[in-house]
């Protein structure tokens, strides 16, 4: 009677392990499915967003009747202005940084 009870307990533990393994596997599969769905949803959202922005750009281009060359020239001019702004700001800060570094290196604290 004692052995059969031990055998029943072992069988019960084995069944619990199998049930736990099945639960874990099901959770993994659910997680994988959710990740795949999230990826699909993100791809669909991204494509819709890209299409909407493309439509906005196409509409803007039609409304302003700008040719590709003019658009390119405008973009280049805007980029050059932005580069000059950044270079100017960097030049202004460069001397301040150099002065600060020289001051910090040459100042002795007692």
N, C-alpha and C. Protein backbone atom coordinates (compact mmCIF):
# COMPACT_ATOMS: atom_id res chain seq x y z
N UNK A 1 0.83 -1.19 0.00
CA UNK A 1 0.00 0.00 0.00
C UNK A 1 0.87 1.25 0.00
N UNK A 2 1.99 1.19 0.76
CA UNK A 2 2.89 2.32 0.83
C UNK A 2 3.55 2.58 -0.54
N UNK A 3 3.96 1.53 -1.23
CA UNK A 3 4.60 1.66 -2.55
C UNK A 3 3.62 2.20 -3.58
N UNK A 4 2.38 1.74 -3.52
CA UNK A 4 1.42 2.21 -4.51
C UNK A 4 1.09 3.68 -4.29
N UNK A 5 1.10 4.11 -3.01
CA UNK A 5 0.87 5.53 -2.73
C UNK A 5 2.05 6.37 -3.23
N UNK A 6 3.28 5.88 -3.03
CA UNK A 6 4.46 6.58 -3.54
C UNK A 6 4.42 6.63 -5.06
N UNK A 7 4.05 5.51 -5.66
CA UNK A 7 3.95 5.45 -7.12
C UNK A 7 2.89 6.44 -7.61
N UNK A 8 1.80 6.57 -6.92
CA UNK A 8 0.74 7.52 -7.29
C UNK A 8 1.24 8.95 -7.16
N UNK A 9 2.00 9.20 -6.10
CA UNK A 9 2.56 10.54 -5.91
C UNK A 9 3.55 10.88 -7.03
N UNK A 10 4.40 9.91 -7.40
CA UNK A 10 5.35 10.13 -8.50
C UNK A 10 4.60 10.40 -9.79
N UNK A 11 3.56 9.62 -10.03
CA UNK A 11 2.76 9.81 -11.24
C UNK A 11 2.10 11.20 -11.22
N UNK A 12 1.65 11.61 -10.06
CA UNK A 12 1.02 12.93 -9.93
C UNK A 12 2.05 14.03 -10.21
N UNK A 13 3.27 13.88 -9.71
CA UNK A 13 4.34 14.86 -9.98
C UNK A 13 4.69 14.90 -11.46
N UNK A 14 4.80 13.73 -12.07
CA UNK A 14 5.10 13.68 -13.51
C UNK A 14 4.00 14.37 -14.32
N UNK A 15 2.75 14.12 -13.93
CA UNK A 15 1.62 14.76 -14.61
C UNK A 15 1.67 16.28 -14.43
N UNK A 16 2.01 16.73 -13.23
CA UNK A 16 2.12 18.18 -12.96
C UNK A 16 3.24 18.79 -13.81
N UNK A 17 4.36 18.08 -13.94
CA UNK A 17 5.46 18.58 -14.78
C UNK A 17 5.02 18.67 -16.24
N UNK A 18 4.31 17.66 -16.72
CA UNK A 18 3.82 17.68 -18.10
C UNK A 18 2.85 18.84 -18.31
N UNK A 19 1.96 19.02 -17.35
CA UNK A 19 1.00 20.13 -17.45
C UNK A 19 1.72 21.47 -17.46
N UNK A 20 2.73 21.61 -16.59
CA UNK A 20 3.50 22.86 -16.54
C UNK A 20 4.24 23.08 -17.85
N UNK A 21 4.84 22.05 -18.39
CA UNK A 21 5.55 22.16 -19.67
C UNK A 21 4.59 22.57 -20.78
N UNK A 22 3.42 21.98 -20.79
CA UNK A 22 2.42 22.32 -21.80
C UNK A 22 1.99 23.78 -21.66
N UNK A 23 1.80 24.22 -20.42
CA UNK A 23 1.42 25.62 -20.17
C UNK A 23 2.51 26.57 -20.65
N UNK A 24 3.76 26.24 -20.34
CA UNK A 24 4.88 27.09 -20.76
C UNK A 24 4.96 27.13 -22.29
N UNK A 25 4.82 26.00 -22.93
CA UNK A 25 4.87 25.96 -24.40
C UNK A 25 3.74 26.79 -25.00
N UNK A 26 2.55 26.67 -24.42
CA UNK A 26 1.41 27.46 -24.92
C UNK A 26 1.68 28.95 -24.74
N UNK A 27 2.26 29.34 -23.60
CA UNK A 27 2.58 30.75 -23.35
C UNK A 27 3.61 31.24 -24.37
N UNK A 28 4.62 30.40 -24.67
CA UNK A 28 5.62 30.78 -25.67
C UNK A 28 4.98 31.00 -27.03
N UNK A 29 4.10 30.07 -27.41
CA UNK A 29 3.43 30.18 -28.70
C UNK A 29 2.56 31.43 -28.76
N UNK A 30 1.85 31.73 -27.66
CA UNK A 30 1.04 32.95 -27.61
C UNK A 30 1.91 34.19 -27.74
N UNK A 31 3.06 34.17 -27.06
CA UNK A 31 3.97 35.32 -27.13
C UNK A 31 4.49 35.51 -28.55
N UNK A 32 4.88 34.41 -29.19
CA UNK A 32 5.36 34.49 -30.58
C UNK A 32 4.26 35.04 -31.48
N UNK A 33 3.05 34.57 -31.29
CA UNK A 33 1.93 35.04 -32.11
C UNK A 33 1.69 36.53 -31.90
N UNK A 34 1.78 36.99 -30.65
CA UNK A 34 1.59 38.42 -30.36
C UNK A 34 2.70 39.25 -30.98
N UNK A 35 3.93 38.76 -30.92
CA UNK A 35 5.05 39.49 -31.52
C UNK A 35 4.86 39.60 -33.03
N UNK A 36 4.47 38.49 -33.65
CA UNK A 36 4.23 38.50 -35.11
C UNK A 36 3.11 39.47 -35.47
N UNK A 37 2.05 39.47 -34.66
CA UNK A 37 0.93 40.37 -34.92
C UNK A 37 1.36 41.83 -34.76
N UNK A 38 2.15 42.09 -33.71
CA UNK A 38 2.64 43.46 -33.49
C UNK A 38 3.50 43.91 -34.66
N UNK A 39 4.33 43.01 -35.17
CA UNK A 39 5.19 43.35 -36.32
C UNK A 39 4.32 43.66 -37.54
N UNK A 40 3.33 42.83 -37.78
CA UNK A 40 2.43 43.06 -38.91
C UNK A 40 1.69 44.39 -38.76
N UNK A 41 1.18 44.65 -37.55
CA UNK A 41 0.48 45.91 -37.29
C UNK A 41 1.41 47.10 -37.52
N UNK A 42 2.66 46.99 -37.05
CA UNK A 42 3.62 48.09 -37.21
C UNK A 42 3.94 48.31 -38.68
N UNK A 43 4.09 47.23 -39.44
CA UNK A 43 4.37 47.36 -40.87
C UNK A 43 3.20 48.02 -41.59
N UNK A 44 1.98 47.63 -41.23
CA UNK A 44 0.80 48.24 -41.86
C UNK A 44 0.70 49.72 -41.51
N UNK A 45 0.94 50.06 -40.24
CA UNK A 45 0.90 51.45 -39.81
C UNK A 45 1.95 52.27 -40.55
N UNK A 46 3.16 51.71 -40.64
CA UNK A 46 4.26 52.41 -41.31
C UNK A 46 3.92 52.65 -42.78
N UNK A 47 3.36 51.66 -43.44
CA UNK A 47 3.02 51.80 -44.85
C UNK A 47 1.92 52.84 -45.04
N UNK A 48 0.91 52.82 -44.17
CA UNK A 48 -0.15 53.82 -44.27
C UNK A 48 0.40 55.23 -44.03
N UNK A 49 1.28 55.35 -43.04
CA UNK A 49 1.90 56.64 -42.74
C UNK A 49 2.72 57.13 -43.92
N UNK A 50 3.52 56.23 -44.52
CA UNK A 50 4.35 56.59 -45.67
C UNK A 50 3.46 57.04 -46.83
N UNK A 51 2.40 56.31 -47.08
CA UNK A 51 1.48 56.67 -48.16
C UNK A 51 0.85 58.03 -47.92
N UNK A 52 0.44 58.28 -46.69
CA UNK A 52 -0.18 59.57 -46.36
C UNK A 52 0.80 60.71 -46.57
N UNK A 53 2.04 60.54 -46.13
CA UNK A 53 3.04 61.59 -46.32
C UNK A 53 3.36 61.79 -47.80
N UNK A 54 3.40 60.69 -48.56
CA UNK A 54 3.65 60.80 -49.99
C UNK A 54 2.51 61.55 -50.67
N UNK A 55 1.27 61.24 -50.26
CA UNK A 55 0.11 61.95 -50.82
C UNK A 55 0.18 63.44 -50.47
N UNK A 56 0.54 63.75 -49.22
CA UNK A 56 0.69 65.15 -48.82
C UNK A 56 1.73 65.85 -49.69
N UNK A 57 2.87 65.19 -49.89
CA UNK A 57 3.93 65.79 -50.70
C UNK A 57 3.48 65.96 -52.14
N UNK A 58 2.85 64.94 -52.69
CA UNK A 58 2.38 65.03 -54.08
C UNK A 58 1.37 66.17 -54.24
N UNK A 59 0.46 66.28 -53.27
CA UNK A 59 -0.54 67.35 -53.31
C UNK A 59 0.16 68.71 -53.21
N UNK A 60 1.10 68.85 -52.30
CA UNK A 60 1.84 70.11 -52.15
C UNK A 60 2.56 70.45 -53.44
N UNK A 61 3.18 69.45 -54.04
CA UNK A 61 3.93 69.69 -55.27
C UNK A 61 2.99 70.13 -56.40
N UNK A 62 1.81 69.47 -56.49
CA UNK A 62 0.84 69.86 -57.53
C UNK A 62 0.32 71.28 -57.28
N UNK A 63 0.00 71.58 -56.01
CA UNK A 63 -0.55 72.89 -55.68
C UNK A 63 0.44 74.01 -55.97
N UNK A 64 1.69 73.73 -55.77
CA UNK A 64 2.71 74.75 -55.97
C UNK A 64 3.34 74.69 -57.36
N UNK A 65 2.91 73.71 -58.16
CA UNK A 65 3.40 73.55 -59.53
C UNK A 65 4.91 73.72 -59.62
N UNK A 66 5.58 72.98 -58.80
CA UNK A 66 7.04 73.08 -58.78
C UNK A 66 7.60 71.89 -59.55
N UNK A 67 8.52 72.18 -60.43
CA UNK A 67 9.14 71.09 -61.18
C UNK A 67 10.17 70.40 -60.31
N UNK A 68 10.62 69.23 -60.74
CA UNK A 68 11.62 68.47 -59.99
C UNK A 68 12.90 69.26 -59.83
N UNK A 69 13.31 70.00 -60.89
CA UNK A 69 14.56 70.77 -60.81
C UNK A 69 14.45 71.87 -59.76
N UNK A 70 13.32 72.56 -59.74
CA UNK A 70 13.13 73.64 -58.77
C UNK A 70 13.10 73.07 -57.36
N UNK A 71 12.43 71.94 -57.20
CA UNK A 71 12.37 71.30 -55.88
C UNK A 71 13.77 70.92 -55.43
N UNK A 72 14.54 70.38 -56.32
CA UNK A 72 15.92 69.99 -55.99
C UNK A 72 16.74 71.23 -55.63
N UNK A 73 16.61 72.27 -56.43
CA UNK A 73 17.37 73.50 -56.16
C UNK A 73 16.97 74.10 -54.81
N UNK A 74 15.70 74.07 -54.52
CA UNK A 74 15.22 74.58 -53.23
C UNK A 74 15.79 73.76 -52.08
N UNK A 75 15.78 72.45 -52.24
CA UNK A 75 16.31 71.57 -51.20
C UNK A 75 17.80 71.81 -51.00
N UNK A 76 18.54 71.97 -52.08
CA UNK A 76 19.98 72.23 -51.98
C UNK A 76 20.23 73.57 -51.29
N UNK A 77 19.48 74.58 -51.67
CA UNK A 77 19.65 75.90 -51.05
C UNK A 77 19.32 75.85 -49.56
N UNK A 78 18.25 75.15 -49.21
CA UNK A 78 17.89 75.00 -47.79
C UNK A 78 18.99 74.27 -47.03
N UNK A 79 19.53 73.22 -47.63
CA UNK A 79 20.60 72.47 -46.98
C UNK A 79 21.85 73.33 -46.80
N UNK A 80 22.19 74.11 -47.81
CA UNK A 80 23.37 74.97 -47.72
C UNK A 80 23.19 76.03 -46.63
N UNK A 81 21.98 76.59 -46.52
CA UNK A 81 21.70 77.56 -45.46
C UNK A 81 21.86 76.91 -44.09
N UNK A 82 21.35 75.71 -43.95
CA UNK A 82 21.44 75.00 -42.68
C UNK A 82 22.89 74.70 -42.33
N UNK A 83 23.66 74.29 -43.32
CA UNK A 83 25.09 74.01 -43.09
C UNK A 83 25.81 75.27 -42.64
N UNK A 84 25.53 76.38 -43.26
CA UNK A 84 26.18 77.64 -42.88
C UNK A 84 25.79 78.03 -41.45
N UNK A 85 24.54 77.82 -41.09
CA UNK A 85 24.09 78.13 -39.73
C UNK A 85 24.84 77.28 -38.71
N UNK A 86 24.98 76.00 -39.00
CA UNK A 86 25.68 75.10 -38.09
C UNK A 86 27.15 75.48 -38.00
N UNK A 87 27.77 75.78 -39.15
CA UNK A 87 29.19 76.16 -39.15
C UNK A 87 29.40 77.45 -38.36
N UNK A 88 28.50 78.41 -38.53
CA UNK A 88 28.61 79.68 -37.81
C UNK A 88 28.50 79.45 -36.31
N UNK A 89 27.53 78.63 -35.90
CA UNK A 89 27.34 78.35 -34.47
C UNK A 89 28.56 77.61 -33.93
N UNK A 90 29.10 76.68 -34.70
CA UNK A 90 30.28 75.93 -34.25
C UNK A 90 31.47 76.87 -34.12
N UNK A 91 31.63 77.79 -35.06
CA UNK A 91 32.74 78.75 -35.00
C UNK A 91 32.64 79.64 -33.78
N UNK A 92 31.42 80.08 -33.46
CA UNK A 92 31.23 80.93 -32.28
C UNK A 92 31.56 80.17 -31.00
N UNK A 93 31.17 78.95 -30.93
CA UNK A 93 31.41 78.16 -29.71
C UNK A 93 32.85 77.66 -29.62
N UNK A 94 33.50 77.51 -30.75
CA UNK A 94 34.86 76.98 -30.77
C UNK A 94 35.80 77.85 -29.94
N UNK A 95 35.73 79.15 -30.14
CA UNK A 95 36.63 80.02 -29.40
C UNK A 95 36.30 80.02 -27.91
N UNK A 96 35.02 79.95 -27.57
CA UNK A 96 34.62 79.88 -26.16
C UNK A 96 35.14 78.61 -25.51
N UNK A 97 35.03 77.51 -26.21
CA UNK A 97 35.50 76.23 -25.68
C UNK A 97 37.02 76.27 -25.52
N UNK A 98 37.71 76.79 -26.52
CA UNK A 98 39.17 76.87 -26.45
C UNK A 98 39.59 77.73 -25.26
N UNK A 99 38.94 78.87 -25.08
CA UNK A 99 39.27 79.75 -23.95
C UNK A 99 39.03 79.02 -22.62
N UNK A 100 37.93 78.32 -22.51
CA UNK A 100 37.62 77.60 -21.28
C UNK A 100 38.65 76.51 -21.00
N UNK A 101 39.03 75.76 -22.03
CA UNK A 101 40.02 74.70 -21.86
C UNK A 101 41.36 75.29 -21.43
N UNK A 102 41.80 76.37 -22.08
CA UNK A 102 43.06 77.01 -21.72
C UNK A 102 43.01 77.50 -20.27
N UNK A 103 41.91 78.13 -19.89
CA UNK A 103 41.76 78.64 -18.53
C UNK A 103 41.82 77.51 -17.51
N UNK A 104 41.12 76.42 -17.79
CA UNK A 104 41.10 75.29 -16.86
C UNK A 104 42.47 74.62 -16.75
N UNK A 105 43.19 74.53 -17.86
CA UNK A 105 44.49 73.87 -17.84
C UNK A 105 45.55 74.74 -17.19
N UNK A 106 45.45 76.04 -17.36
CA UNK A 106 46.50 76.92 -16.85
C UNK A 106 46.23 77.45 -15.45
N UNK A 107 45.04 77.23 -14.91
CA UNK A 107 44.72 77.72 -13.57
C UNK A 107 45.16 76.69 -12.55
N UNK A 108 45.93 77.15 -11.57
CA UNK A 108 46.43 76.26 -10.51
C UNK A 108 45.65 76.61 -9.24
N UNK A 109 45.11 75.59 -8.62
CA UNK A 109 44.34 75.79 -7.39
C UNK A 109 45.21 75.32 -6.21
N UNK A 110 45.30 76.16 -5.17
CA UNK A 110 46.08 75.80 -3.96
C UNK A 110 45.16 75.58 -2.81
